[in-house]
N, C-alpha and C. Protein backbone atom coordinates (compact mmCIF):
# COMPACT_ATOMS: atom_id res chain seq x y z
N MET A 1 0.54 -1.29 0.20
CA MET A 1 -0.21 -0.24 0.07
C MET A 1 1.09 1.34 -0.19
N PHE A 2 1.68 1.09 0.80
CA PHE A 2 2.81 2.42 0.89
C PHE A 2 3.46 2.62 -0.22
N ASP A 3 3.79 1.28 -1.15
CA ASP A 3 4.84 1.40 -2.34
C ASP A 3 3.56 2.41 -3.39
N LYS A 4 2.52 1.84 -3.38
CA LYS A 4 1.49 2.77 -4.30
C LYS A 4 1.36 4.11 -3.91
N LEU A 5 1.44 4.70 -2.61
CA LEU A 5 1.36 6.03 -2.33
C LEU A 5 2.92 6.53 -2.92
N PHE A 6 3.85 6.01 -2.49
CA PHE A 6 5.01 6.57 -3.15
C PHE A 6 5.25 6.60 -4.58
N GLU A 7 4.70 5.64 -5.30
CA GLU A 7 4.49 5.71 -6.50
C GLU A 7 3.63 6.91 -7.24
N VAL A 8 2.45 7.11 -6.53
CA VAL A 8 1.75 7.97 -6.70
C VAL A 8 2.35 9.10 -6.52
N GLN A 9 3.06 9.45 -5.34
CA GLN A 9 3.85 10.81 -5.18
C GLN A 9 4.83 11.13 -6.46
N ALA A 10 5.43 10.15 -6.79
CA ALA A 10 6.65 10.33 -7.70
C ALA A 10 6.14 10.71 -8.76
N LYS A 11 5.03 10.08 -9.33
CA LYS A 11 4.29 10.66 -10.63
C LYS A 11 3.90 11.63 -10.50
N ALA A 12 3.37 12.40 -9.39
CA ALA A 12 2.92 13.87 -9.64
C ALA A 12 3.87 14.46 -9.80
N GLY A 13 4.99 14.38 -9.18
CA GLY A 13 6.30 14.92 -9.16
C GLY A 13 6.72 14.87 -10.66
N GLU A 14 6.84 13.98 -11.09
CA GLU A 14 7.15 13.82 -12.93
C GLU A 14 6.22 14.88 -13.50
N VAL A 15 4.45 14.89 -13.47
CA VAL A 15 3.89 15.36 -13.86
C VAL A 15 4.10 17.14 -13.95
N LYS A 16 4.10 17.23 -12.75
CA LYS A 16 4.58 19.01 -12.14
C LYS A 16 5.62 19.50 -13.45
N GLN A 17 6.80 18.27 -13.02
CA GLN A 17 8.30 18.93 -13.57
C GLN A 17 7.76 19.11 -15.37
N ARG A 18 6.78 18.00 -15.77
CA ARG A 18 6.58 17.99 -17.17
C ARG A 18 6.09 19.74 -17.45
N LEU A 19 4.84 19.56 -16.34
CA LEU A 19 3.92 21.08 -16.69
C LEU A 19 4.88 22.09 -16.70
N ASP A 20 5.61 22.18 -15.73
CA ASP A 20 6.57 23.64 -16.00
C ASP A 20 7.20 23.66 -17.16
N ASN A 21 7.59 22.66 -17.81
CA ASN A 21 8.42 22.89 -19.25
C ASN A 21 7.24 23.11 -20.23
N ILE A 22 5.99 22.97 -20.00
CA ILE A 22 4.95 23.26 -21.24
C ILE A 22 4.33 24.57 -21.39
N THR A 23 4.20 25.25 -22.59
CA THR A 23 3.85 26.74 -22.32
C THR A 23 2.46 26.97 -23.50
N VAL A 24 1.88 27.50 -22.75
CA VAL A 24 0.66 27.91 -23.55
C VAL A 24 0.54 29.38 -23.81
N THR A 25 -0.63 29.28 -24.70
CA THR A 25 -0.90 31.10 -24.95
C THR A 25 -2.36 31.38 -25.10
N GLY A 26 -2.57 32.28 -24.49
CA GLY A 26 -3.95 33.15 -24.04
C GLY A 26 -3.89 34.36 -25.25
N THR A 27 -4.60 34.73 -26.08
CA THR A 27 -4.66 35.76 -26.87
C THR A 27 -5.88 36.43 -26.89
N ALA A 28 -5.73 37.92 -26.95
CA ALA A 28 -7.19 38.65 -27.54
C ALA A 28 -7.02 39.48 -28.69
N GLU A 29 -8.09 40.08 -29.00
CA GLU A 29 -7.97 41.02 -30.38
C GLU A 29 -7.07 40.59 -31.27
N GLY A 30 -7.41 39.43 -31.61
CA GLY A 30 -6.70 38.93 -33.01
C GLY A 30 -4.89 38.91 -32.43
N GLY A 31 -4.50 38.96 -31.39
CA GLY A 31 -3.27 38.58 -30.94
C GLY A 31 -2.73 39.86 -30.77
N LYS A 32 -3.39 41.03 -30.68
CA LYS A 32 -2.75 42.21 -30.19
C LYS A 32 -2.13 42.02 -28.57
N ILE A 33 -2.90 41.45 -27.94
CA ILE A 33 -2.70 41.20 -26.58
C ILE A 33 -2.49 39.20 -26.39
N SER A 34 -1.25 38.97 -25.78
CA SER A 34 -1.05 37.53 -25.81
C SER A 34 -0.52 37.29 -24.21
N VAL A 35 -0.81 36.23 -23.53
CA VAL A 35 -0.18 35.82 -21.97
C VAL A 35 0.11 34.61 -22.42
N THR A 36 1.52 34.05 -22.25
CA THR A 36 2.19 32.94 -22.11
C THR A 36 2.47 32.53 -20.64
N ALA A 37 1.89 31.32 -20.38
CA ALA A 37 2.18 30.54 -18.83
C ALA A 37 2.31 29.45 -19.29
N THR A 38 2.62 29.04 -18.16
CA THR A 38 3.26 27.20 -17.95
C THR A 38 1.96 26.31 -17.77
N GLY A 39 2.01 24.87 -17.71
CA GLY A 39 0.96 24.06 -17.47
C GLY A 39 0.65 23.86 -16.32
N ASN A 40 1.24 24.50 -15.48
CA ASN A 40 1.14 24.87 -14.04
C ASN A 40 0.69 26.07 -13.59
N LYS A 41 0.32 26.58 -14.87
CA LYS A 41 -0.47 28.25 -14.36
C LYS A 41 0.28 29.30 -13.69
N ILE A 42 1.98 29.21 -14.22
CA ILE A 42 2.34 30.63 -13.91
C ILE A 42 2.75 31.38 -15.07
N ILE A 43 2.30 32.06 -15.02
CA ILE A 43 2.72 33.17 -16.05
C ILE A 43 3.92 33.64 -16.22
N GLN A 44 4.05 33.96 -17.28
CA GLN A 44 5.70 33.73 -17.69
C GLN A 44 5.93 35.27 -18.67
N SER A 45 4.86 35.85 -19.68
CA SER A 45 4.82 37.24 -20.13
C SER A 45 3.56 37.15 -20.50
N VAL A 46 3.58 38.69 -20.64
CA VAL A 46 2.49 39.33 -21.03
C VAL A 46 2.83 40.26 -22.04
N ASN A 47 2.25 40.31 -23.90
CA ASN A 47 2.72 40.82 -24.42
C ASN A 47 1.55 41.79 -25.40
N ILE A 48 1.60 43.10 -25.30
CA ILE A 48 0.79 43.95 -25.92
C ILE A 48 1.33 44.34 -27.11
N ASP A 49 0.59 44.55 -28.34
CA ASP A 49 1.28 45.42 -29.59
C ASP A 49 1.33 46.75 -29.49
N ALA A 50 2.29 47.29 -29.30
CA ALA A 50 2.76 48.64 -29.40
C ALA A 50 1.58 49.91 -29.89
N GLY A 51 1.40 49.22 -31.25
CA GLY A 51 0.32 50.31 -31.53
C GLY A 51 -1.08 50.19 -31.30
N PHE A 52 -1.45 48.74 -30.92
CA PHE A 52 -2.85 49.29 -30.22
C PHE A 52 -2.77 49.28 -28.74
N PHE A 53 -1.56 49.80 -27.98
CA PHE A 53 -1.44 50.26 -27.06
C PHE A 53 -1.44 51.67 -26.88
N LYS A 54 -1.06 52.25 -27.86
CA LYS A 54 -1.13 53.36 -28.14
C LYS A 54 -2.38 53.90 -28.63
N GLU A 55 -3.39 53.25 -28.98
CA GLU A 55 -4.80 53.73 -29.58
C GLU A 55 -5.85 53.22 -28.80
N ALA A 56 -5.52 52.07 -27.56
CA ALA A 56 -6.77 51.53 -27.10
C ALA A 56 -6.54 51.98 -25.52
N ASP A 57 -7.90 51.90 -25.23
CA ASP A 57 -8.07 52.70 -23.52
C ASP A 57 -7.85 51.98 -22.38
N LYS A 58 -7.72 52.24 -21.12
CA LYS A 58 -7.19 51.65 -20.25
C LYS A 58 -8.30 50.48 -19.86
N GLU A 59 -9.71 50.78 -20.26
CA GLU A 59 -10.74 49.90 -19.94
C GLU A 59 -10.73 48.58 -20.64
N GLU A 60 -10.59 48.95 -22.02
CA GLU A 60 -10.45 48.10 -23.20
C GLU A 60 -9.05 46.94 -22.88
N ILE A 61 -7.81 47.44 -22.52
CA ILE A 61 -6.67 46.74 -22.35
C ILE A 61 -7.06 45.94 -21.24
N GLU A 62 -7.81 46.32 -19.94
CA GLU A 62 -7.43 45.89 -19.01
C GLU A 62 -8.95 44.58 -19.18
N GLU A 63 -9.56 44.72 -19.94
CA GLU A 63 -10.66 43.59 -20.67
C GLU A 63 -10.20 42.51 -21.06
N LEU A 64 -9.51 42.97 -22.35
CA LEU A 64 -8.56 41.96 -23.47
C LEU A 64 -7.46 41.10 -22.29
N MET A 65 -7.04 41.64 -21.42
CA MET A 65 -5.96 41.16 -20.69
C MET A 65 -6.66 39.72 -19.85
N VAL A 66 -7.78 40.43 -19.39
CA VAL A 66 -8.33 39.26 -18.22
C VAL A 66 -8.89 38.16 -19.44
N ILE A 67 -9.38 38.01 -20.50
CA ILE A 67 -9.66 37.46 -21.95
C ILE A 67 -8.50 36.32 -22.49
N ALA A 68 -7.42 37.26 -22.44
CA ALA A 68 -5.87 36.72 -22.65
C ALA A 68 -5.39 35.54 -21.89
N ILE A 69 -5.90 35.99 -20.74
CA ILE A 69 -5.33 35.08 -19.45
C ILE A 69 -6.09 34.10 -19.47
N ASN A 70 -7.70 34.07 -19.24
CA ASN A 70 -8.25 33.07 -19.13
C ASN A 70 -8.02 32.20 -20.34
N LYS A 71 -8.08 32.30 -21.30
CA LYS A 71 -7.98 31.35 -22.35
C LYS A 71 -6.50 30.83 -21.99
N ALA A 72 -5.47 31.48 -21.42
CA ALA A 72 -4.37 30.70 -21.13
C ALA A 72 -4.49 29.75 -20.18
N MET A 73 -5.20 30.24 -19.11
CA MET A 73 -5.52 29.19 -17.77
C MET A 73 -6.29 28.29 -18.29
N GLU A 74 -6.85 28.40 -19.41
CA GLU A 74 -8.01 27.25 -19.85
C GLU A 74 -7.18 26.19 -20.70
N GLN A 75 -6.10 26.65 -21.33
CA GLN A 75 -5.23 26.14 -22.43
C GLN A 75 -4.35 25.15 -21.11
N ALA A 76 -3.88 25.74 -19.94
CA ALA A 76 -2.99 25.24 -19.13
C ALA A 76 -3.68 23.89 -18.23
N ASP A 77 -5.33 24.28 -17.83
CA ASP A 77 -6.17 23.20 -17.52
C ASP A 77 -6.16 21.85 -18.18
N ASN A 78 -6.37 22.07 -19.77
CA ASN A 78 -6.55 21.10 -20.58
C ASN A 78 -5.37 20.49 -20.51
N VAL A 79 -3.97 20.75 -20.44
CA VAL A 79 -2.95 20.53 -20.75
C VAL A 79 -2.57 19.23 -19.30
N SER A 80 -2.84 20.11 -18.20
CA SER A 80 -2.77 19.42 -16.68
C SER A 80 -3.82 18.17 -16.75
N GLN A 81 -4.76 18.38 -17.40
CA GLN A 81 -5.86 17.16 -17.15
C GLN A 81 -5.62 15.78 -18.15
N SER A 82 -4.85 16.12 -19.12
CA SER A 82 -4.09 15.26 -20.35
C SER A 82 -3.19 14.67 -19.62
N GLU A 83 -2.29 15.35 -19.03
CA GLU A 83 -1.21 14.86 -18.50
C GLU A 83 -1.63 13.78 -17.03
N MET A 84 -2.44 14.24 -16.65
CA MET A 84 -2.94 13.59 -15.17
C MET A 84 -3.63 12.09 -15.68
N ALA A 85 -4.67 12.46 -16.87
CA ALA A 85 -5.19 11.17 -17.50
C ALA A 85 -3.95 10.12 -17.88
N ALA A 86 -2.94 10.74 -18.72
CA ALA A 86 -1.99 9.66 -19.12
C ALA A 86 -1.38 8.90 -18.09
N VAL A 87 -1.15 9.40 -16.60
CA VAL A 87 -0.57 9.13 -15.49
C VAL A 87 -1.33 8.28 -14.99
N THR A 88 -2.80 8.44 -14.79
CA THR A 88 -3.57 7.44 -14.18
C THR A 88 -3.97 5.94 -15.22
N LYS A 89 -4.29 6.41 -16.28
CA LYS A 89 -3.95 5.17 -17.09
C LYS A 89 -2.80 4.11 -17.23
N ASP A 90 -1.46 5.01 -17.10
CA ASP A 90 -0.44 3.87 -16.87
C ASP A 90 -0.20 3.40 -15.56
N MET A 91 -0.98 4.27 -14.70
CA MET A 91 -0.97 3.40 -13.57
C MET A 91 -1.94 2.24 -13.01
N PHE A 92 -3.04 2.37 -13.62
CA PHE A 92 -4.31 1.97 -13.53
C PHE A 92 -4.72 0.96 -14.48
N GLY A 93 -4.04 0.97 -15.61
CA GLY A 93 -3.96 0.10 -16.68
C GLY A 93 -5.33 0.83 -17.40
N GLY A 94 -6.14 1.87 -17.23
CA GLY A 94 -6.90 2.55 -18.02
C GLY A 94 -8.19 2.51 -17.16
N MET A 95 -8.19 1.88 -15.88
CA MET A 95 -9.17 1.38 -15.41
C MET A 95 -9.47 2.33 -14.19
N GLY A 96 -8.75 3.45 -13.88
CA GLY A 96 -8.86 4.36 -12.73
C GLY A 96 -9.08 5.63 -13.51
N GLY A 97 -9.35 5.89 -14.75
CA GLY A 97 -9.38 7.16 -14.92
C GLY A 97 -10.64 7.80 -15.71
N GLY A 98 -11.76 6.76 -15.39
CA GLY A 98 -13.18 7.21 -15.86
C GLY A 98 -13.87 7.67 -14.83
N ASN A 99 -15.05 8.38 -15.16
CA ASN A 99 -15.99 9.05 -14.27
C ASN A 99 -17.24 8.22 -13.65
N SER A 100 -17.02 6.81 -14.45
CA SER A 100 -18.10 5.92 -13.92
C SER A 100 -17.78 5.73 -12.85
N CYS A 101 -19.22 4.98 -12.44
CA CYS A 101 -18.99 4.13 -10.84
C CYS A 101 -20.09 3.21 -11.11
N PRO A 102 -19.27 2.16 -10.73
CA PRO A 102 -19.90 0.58 -11.00
C PRO A 102 -20.89 0.33 -10.03
N LEU A 103 -21.34 1.05 -9.12
CA LEU A 103 -22.52 1.07 -8.53
C LEU A 103 -23.76 1.68 -8.87
């Protein structure tokens, strides 16, 4: 039983490390604003097109930043879920990754 617990902890550490090396990007306004984050939801960079920055007002930039950040976080969630599903499938032979209940 403890062996399985240690295996799960080791696999979780491996997944976290892989997610640290995966980048996702969320964009808004046709790419004029982009946010890059890791698969672990750590924002690495924000880029705002210089021309757009000069012409847009504060509220518009703030709204679009929220959109771009949320898109990046959604992609990070998707990557994280995929990585965890792969680990679960490997550990349990595909039997532990579903949402079905045998009862």
